[in-house]
Amino acid sequence: MTIEVSHLVVNGCSFTYCQGLEAPWVQGWPALLAKKLGVPIVNLAVGGSGNDSIHRRTYEYYYKNKSLIGKPLYIIAFSHATRREEFFKSYKGKEVEEYMGLDTSKSSIDLVGSLSSSKKQIEDFEFAHIMNLSYEACERKKFLFWNSVVNLFKANSIPYAVGDYMPSCSIPVHEYMMEHYREIYGEALLNKNSIGDITKITKHFKKLECGHEPIDAMPLICDTFYNKLIEIYGQIVPVTEVDGQPINFLNLKEFYSQSVQKLMPWNLWLQNS
């Protein structure tokens, strides 16, 4: 099997941005992977992103490019389940993070149980779940976003690979998902295009002071994704035109408006796109 690829699109949080590296647009694993494939790179990753943000940017980039000419390959690295995109910094004088804080060291059963009488525990747990305030509900939502992104690629015959930089290590959360959302969980975790927990690949490397992957780990992550892609798709051929027409896709500067670019002076991928 052979597929043609015109450009690589990656999305995720700070681990996919490759925070902590001096020149992530050159040293980071997405840049190394694009170089190995022989195609340009568009890195949509933003530090601190939750999966709702990763989901949103992936869809927005896809639809903004839908009418253009290109054959993209997507790599998505998912983030922690409890992270989420916020549109307000404060509410009634309180910081959003304090107002909607969640103790991720406990399951929602323990969390709600510490705030409620035993009589109201079940009722409050159900409310927390429906309102996406529990750890379990966050995990459910993560895998809904995960499967939504995968279905976008499948529906449009777009080659892709996925991984997880911040999987849940909570046994109660896993048990809850297996009991109530086995299909959602299994559809993502058993996906042949997934490499699973990315941090397991580099666990023998000492992390940077900021907690991110060191430069020595970048080639290994690059090769892991590359080998997975070869396993799935066979030969990958870089192309500069489709049906005789030159490829045309949005780079980061074209994807973000001028006003947004001014708000992202820290984004080295944007500055060097």
Protein backbone atom coordinates (compact mmCIF):
# COMPACT_ATOMS: atom_id res chain seq x y z
CA MET A 1 0.00 0.00 0.00
CA THR A 2 1.15 3.53 -0.81
CA ILE A 3 -0.28 6.88 0.28
CA GLU A 4 0.57 10.39 -0.87
CA VAL A 5 1.08 13.16 1.69
CA SER A 6 1.50 16.87 1.03
CA HIS A 7 1.89 18.13 4.62
CA LEU A 8 1.87 16.99 8.25
CA VAL A 9 -0.57 18.47 10.76
CA VAL A 10 -0.04 17.80 14.48
CA ASN A 11 -2.13 18.90 17.45
CA GLY A 12 -1.93 18.52 21.20
CA CYS A 13 -0.74 20.29 24.34
CA SER A 14 2.73 21.44 25.49
CA PHE A 15 4.22 17.98 24.94
CA THR A 16 3.34 18.19 21.23
CA TYR A 17 4.43 21.84 21.12
CA CYS A 18 7.68 20.45 22.60
CA GLN A 19 7.88 23.03 25.34
CA GLY A 20 11.26 23.38 27.01
CA LEU A 21 13.30 22.94 23.85
CA GLU A 22 15.33 25.90 22.66
CA ALA A 23 14.12 25.57 19.06
CA PRO A 24 11.06 23.26 19.02
CA TRP A 25 10.27 24.05 15.38
CA VAL A 26 13.57 22.35 14.50
CA GLN A 27 14.32 20.03 17.44
CA GLY A 28 10.82 18.82 18.34
CA TRP A 29 9.54 15.40 17.30
CA PRO A 30 6.85 16.88 14.96
CA ALA A 31 9.60 18.73 13.05
CA LEU A 32 11.76 15.60 12.93
CA LEU A 33 8.81 13.54 11.70
CA ALA A 34 7.95 16.05 8.97
CA LYS A 35 11.59 16.06 7.86
CA LYS A 36 11.63 12.25 7.77
CA LEU A 37 8.45 12.24 5.68
CA GLY A 38 9.79 14.99 3.43
CA VAL A 39 6.80 17.32 3.91
CA PRO A 40 6.04 20.72 5.52
CA ILE A 41 4.74 20.83 9.11
CA VAL A 42 1.78 22.66 10.69
CA ASN A 43 1.89 22.37 14.49
CA LEU A 44 -1.45 23.40 16.03
CA ALA A 45 -0.39 22.41 19.57
CA VAL A 46 -0.82 24.94 22.37
CA GLY A 47 0.56 24.48 25.88
CA GLY A 48 -2.03 23.69 28.55
CA SER A 49 -4.62 22.54 26.01
CA GLY A 50 -7.45 20.29 27.06
CA ASN A 51 -8.97 17.77 24.68
CA ASP A 52 -11.90 20.07 23.89
CA SER A 53 -9.39 22.64 22.63
CA ILE A 54 -7.45 20.02 20.66
CA HIS A 55 -10.73 18.80 19.17
CA ARG A 56 -11.82 22.35 18.26
CA ARG A 57 -8.55 23.34 16.57
CA THR A 58 -8.43 20.08 14.61
CA TYR A 59 -11.93 20.60 13.23
CA GLU A 60 -11.37 24.29 12.53
CA TYR A 61 -8.15 23.61 10.65
CA TYR A 62 -9.77 20.81 8.65
CA TYR A 63 -12.75 22.93 7.55
CA LYS A 64 -10.63 25.98 6.75
CA ASN A 65 -8.58 23.78 4.42
CA LYS A 66 -11.44 21.73 2.98
CA SER A 67 -11.67 23.70 -0.27
CA LEU A 68 -7.90 23.87 -0.73
CA ILE A 69 -5.69 21.37 -2.52
CA GLY A 70 -3.66 19.04 -0.35
CA LYS A 71 -3.26 15.58 1.11
CA PRO A 72 -2.68 16.05 4.83
CA LEU A 73 -1.50 13.51 7.38
CA TYR A 74 -2.65 14.18 10.95
CA ILE A 75 -1.00 13.26 14.26
CA ILE A 76 -3.07 13.96 17.38
CA ALA A 77 -1.64 13.62 20.90
CA PHE A 78 -4.36 13.86 23.53
CA SER A 79 -4.02 15.60 26.89
CA HIS A 80 -5.32 15.21 30.46
CA ALA A 81 -9.02 14.51 30.87
CA THR A 82 -9.67 17.24 33.45
CA ARG A 83 -8.20 20.08 31.40
CA ARG A 84 -10.76 22.16 29.61
CA GLU A 85 -11.03 25.28 27.50
CA GLU A 86 -12.24 28.32 29.45
CA PHE A 87 -13.80 31.39 27.90
CA PHE A 88 -13.87 33.53 31.05
CA LYS A 89 -10.98 34.28 33.38
CA SER A 90 -13.22 35.13 36.34
CA TYR A 91 -16.78 34.64 37.53
CA LYS A 92 -18.39 36.74 40.27
CA GLY A 93 -14.97 38.00 41.30
CA LYS A 94 -13.35 34.55 41.53
CA GLU A 95 -10.73 33.08 39.24
CA VAL A 96 -12.19 30.40 36.98
CA GLU A 97 -9.65 27.80 38.07
CA GLU A 98 -10.62 28.29 41.70
CA TYR A 99 -14.32 28.42 40.92
CA MET A 100 -14.33 25.16 38.94
CA GLY A 101 -11.43 23.35 40.55
CA LEU A 102 -11.35 19.54 40.56
CA ASP A 103 -9.33 17.28 42.84
CA THR A 104 -7.85 14.90 40.30
CA SER A 105 -6.27 12.74 42.99
CA LYS A 106 -9.69 11.34 43.88
CA SER A 107 -12.54 9.81 41.97
CA SER A 108 -15.77 11.79 41.86
CA ILE A 109 -17.32 9.33 44.32
CA ASP A 110 -14.79 10.39 46.97
CA LEU A 111 -14.98 14.03 45.88
CA VAL A 112 -18.76 14.28 46.06
CA GLY A 113 -18.88 12.11 49.16
CA SER A 114 -16.69 14.60 51.00
CA LEU A 115 -19.11 17.40 50.18
CA SER A 116 -22.44 15.65 50.74
CA SER A 117 -24.37 13.71 53.30
CA SER A 118 -24.69 9.99 52.58
CA LYS A 119 -28.37 10.56 51.83
CA LYS A 120 -27.58 12.94 48.97
CA GLN A 121 -24.43 11.25 47.70
CA ILE A 122 -26.02 9.39 44.78
CA GLU A 123 -28.04 12.42 43.72
CA ASP A 124 -25.01 14.73 43.87
CA PHE A 125 -22.80 12.24 42.05
CA GLU A 126 -25.32 12.00 39.23
CA PHE A 127 -25.52 15.80 39.03
CA ALA A 128 -21.72 16.10 38.94
CA HIS A 129 -21.55 13.52 36.17
CA ILE A 130 -24.24 15.17 34.03
CA MET A 131 -22.63 18.59 34.52
CA ASN A 132 -19.18 17.24 33.57
CA LEU A 133 -17.80 18.12 37.00
CA SER A 134 -16.50 14.69 37.98
CA TYR A 135 -13.24 13.00 37.04
CA GLU A 136 -15.22 10.16 35.47
CA ALA A 137 -17.28 12.58 33.40
CA CYS A 138 -14.10 14.30 32.22
CA GLU A 139 -12.71 10.93 31.12
CA ARG A 140 -15.92 10.16 29.24
CA LYS A 141 -15.76 13.53 27.52
CA LYS A 142 -12.09 13.00 26.60
CA PHE A 143 -12.89 9.81 24.74
CA LEU A 144 -15.90 11.34 23.04
CA PHE A 145 -13.55 14.02 21.65
CA TRP A 146 -11.01 11.32 20.80
CA ASN A 147 -13.49 9.27 18.78
CA SER A 148 -14.95 12.39 17.17
CA VAL A 149 -11.54 13.38 15.77
CA VAL A 150 -10.86 9.83 14.57
CA ASN A 151 -14.27 9.68 12.87
CA LEU A 152 -13.49 12.95 11.08
CA PHE A 153 -10.38 11.37 9.60
CA LYS A 154 -12.10 8.10 8.72
CA ALA A 155 -15.06 9.83 7.07
CA ASN A 156 -12.76 11.87 4.85
CA SER A 157 -10.16 9.17 4.15
CA ILE A 158 -7.41 11.16 5.87
CA PRO A 159 -4.37 9.20 7.10
CA TYR A 160 -3.68 9.70 10.81
CA ALA A 161 -2.13 8.38 14.00
CA VAL A 162 -3.01 9.16 17.61
CA GLY A 163 -1.35 8.95 21.00
CA ASP A 164 -1.99 9.96 24.61
CA TYR A 165 0.40 12.12 26.60
CA MET A 166 -1.69 12.18 29.80
CA PRO A 167 -3.71 8.99 30.25
CA SER A 168 -5.67 8.50 33.46
CA CYS A 169 -3.95 6.36 36.08
CA SER A 170 -7.06 6.13 38.29
CA ILE A 171 -8.40 2.59 38.75
CA PRO A 172 -11.90 3.81 39.77
CA VAL A 173 -12.08 5.91 36.61
CA HIS A 174 -11.06 2.97 34.43
CA GLU A 175 -13.61 0.73 36.16
CA TYR A 176 -16.33 3.33 35.68
CA MET A 177 -15.56 3.71 31.98
CA MET A 178 -15.48 -0.05 31.44
CA GLU A 179 -18.81 -0.46 33.19
CA HIS A 180 -20.70 2.43 31.60
CA TYR A 181 -18.83 3.41 28.41
CA ARG A 182 -17.00 0.30 27.29
CA GLU A 183 -17.78 0.98 23.60
CA ILE A 184 -16.47 4.56 23.69
CA TYR A 185 -13.37 3.48 25.60
CA GLY A 186 -12.63 0.45 23.45
CA GLU A 187 -13.17 2.25 20.15
CA ALA A 188 -10.30 4.61 21.01
CA LEU A 189 -7.93 2.40 22.97
CA LEU A 190 -8.10 -0.53 20.53
CA ASN A 191 -7.73 1.69 17.46
CA LYS A 192 -5.01 0.27 15.20
CA ASN A 193 -3.80 3.83 14.51
CA SER A 194 -3.03 4.49 18.19
CA ILE A 195 0.40 4.16 19.79
CA GLY A 196 -1.12 4.50 23.29
CA ASP A 197 0.72 6.20 26.15
CA ILE A 198 3.52 8.24 24.58
CA THR A 199 5.30 8.79 27.91
CA LYS A 200 5.97 5.05 28.24
CA ILE A 201 8.20 5.32 25.19
CA THR A 202 10.46 7.89 26.86
CA LYS A 203 10.18 6.95 30.55
CA HIS A 204 13.91 6.17 30.75
CA PHE A 205 14.78 9.78 29.84
CA LYS A 206 15.18 12.37 32.57
CA LYS A 207 12.55 15.08 32.15
CA LEU A 208 13.41 18.76 31.79
CA GLU A 209 12.91 21.06 34.78
CA CYS A 210 9.53 22.07 33.33
CA GLY A 211 8.48 18.41 33.26
CA HIS A 212 8.62 17.99 29.49
CA GLU A 213 10.55 15.62 27.25
CA PRO A 214 14.28 16.33 26.71
CA ILE A 215 15.80 16.79 23.28
CA ASP A 216 17.28 13.27 23.39
CA ALA A 217 13.76 11.81 23.48
CA MET A 218 12.60 13.58 20.32
CA PRO A 219 14.05 11.12 17.74
CA LEU A 220 12.50 8.18 19.60
CA ILE A 221 9.02 9.72 19.58
CA CYS A 222 9.47 10.65 15.93
CA ASP A 223 10.48 7.10 15.00
CA THR A 224 7.61 5.59 17.02
CA PHE A 225 5.02 7.57 15.08
CA TYR A 226 6.85 6.99 11.79
CA ASN A 227 6.97 3.23 12.29
CA LYS A 228 3.29 3.16 13.23
CA LEU A 229 2.41 5.06 10.04
CA ILE A 230 4.49 2.69 7.90
CA GLU A 231 2.82 -0.27 9.63
CA ILE A 232 -0.64 1.11 8.83
CA TYR A 233 -0.16 2.72 5.42
CA GLY A 234 2.95 1.16 3.93
CA GLN A 235 4.98 3.49 1.74
CA ILE A 236 4.43 7.23 2.26
CA VAL A 237 5.21 9.41 -0.76
CA PRO A 238 5.59 13.20 -0.39
CA VAL A 239 3.81 15.19 -3.11
CA THR A 240 3.89 18.84 -4.15
CA GLU A 241 0.87 18.71 -6.44
CA VAL A 242 -2.46 16.91 -6.73
CA ASP A 243 -3.92 16.11 -10.16
CA GLY A 244 -1.47 18.51 -11.77
CA GLN A 245 -2.28 21.40 -9.41
CA PRO A 246 0.17 22.68 -6.80
CA ILE A 247 -0.74 21.93 -3.19
CA ASN A 248 -2.32 24.73 -1.24
CA PHE A 249 -2.84 24.57 2.52
CA LEU A 250 -2.86 27.03 5.43
CA ASN A 251 0.31 27.40 7.47
CA LEU A 252 0.01 28.67 11.06
CA LYS A 253 0.29 32.34 10.13
CA GLU A 254 -2.48 31.92 7.57
CA PHE A 255 -4.62 29.84 9.92
CA TYR A 256 -4.51 32.42 12.73
CA SER A 257 -5.81 35.91 12.08
CA GLN A 258 -3.47 38.87 12.50
CA SER A 259 -5.13 39.82 15.79
CA VAL A 260 -4.69 36.31 17.18
CA GLN A 261 -1.05 36.23 16.10
CA LYS A 262 -0.39 39.33 18.22
CA LEU A 263 -1.74 37.48 21.24
CA MET A 264 0.65 34.56 20.69
CA PRO A 265 4.16 36.09 20.79
CA TRP A 266 5.39 33.03 22.72
CA ASN A 267 4.48 30.60 19.91
CA LEU A 268 7.81 29.81 18.26
CA TRP A 269 6.15 27.49 15.74
CA LEU A 270 3.98 30.43 14.63
CA GLN A 271 6.96 32.80 14.39
CA ASN A 272 8.88 30.31 12.28
CA SER A 273 6.05 29.04 10.04
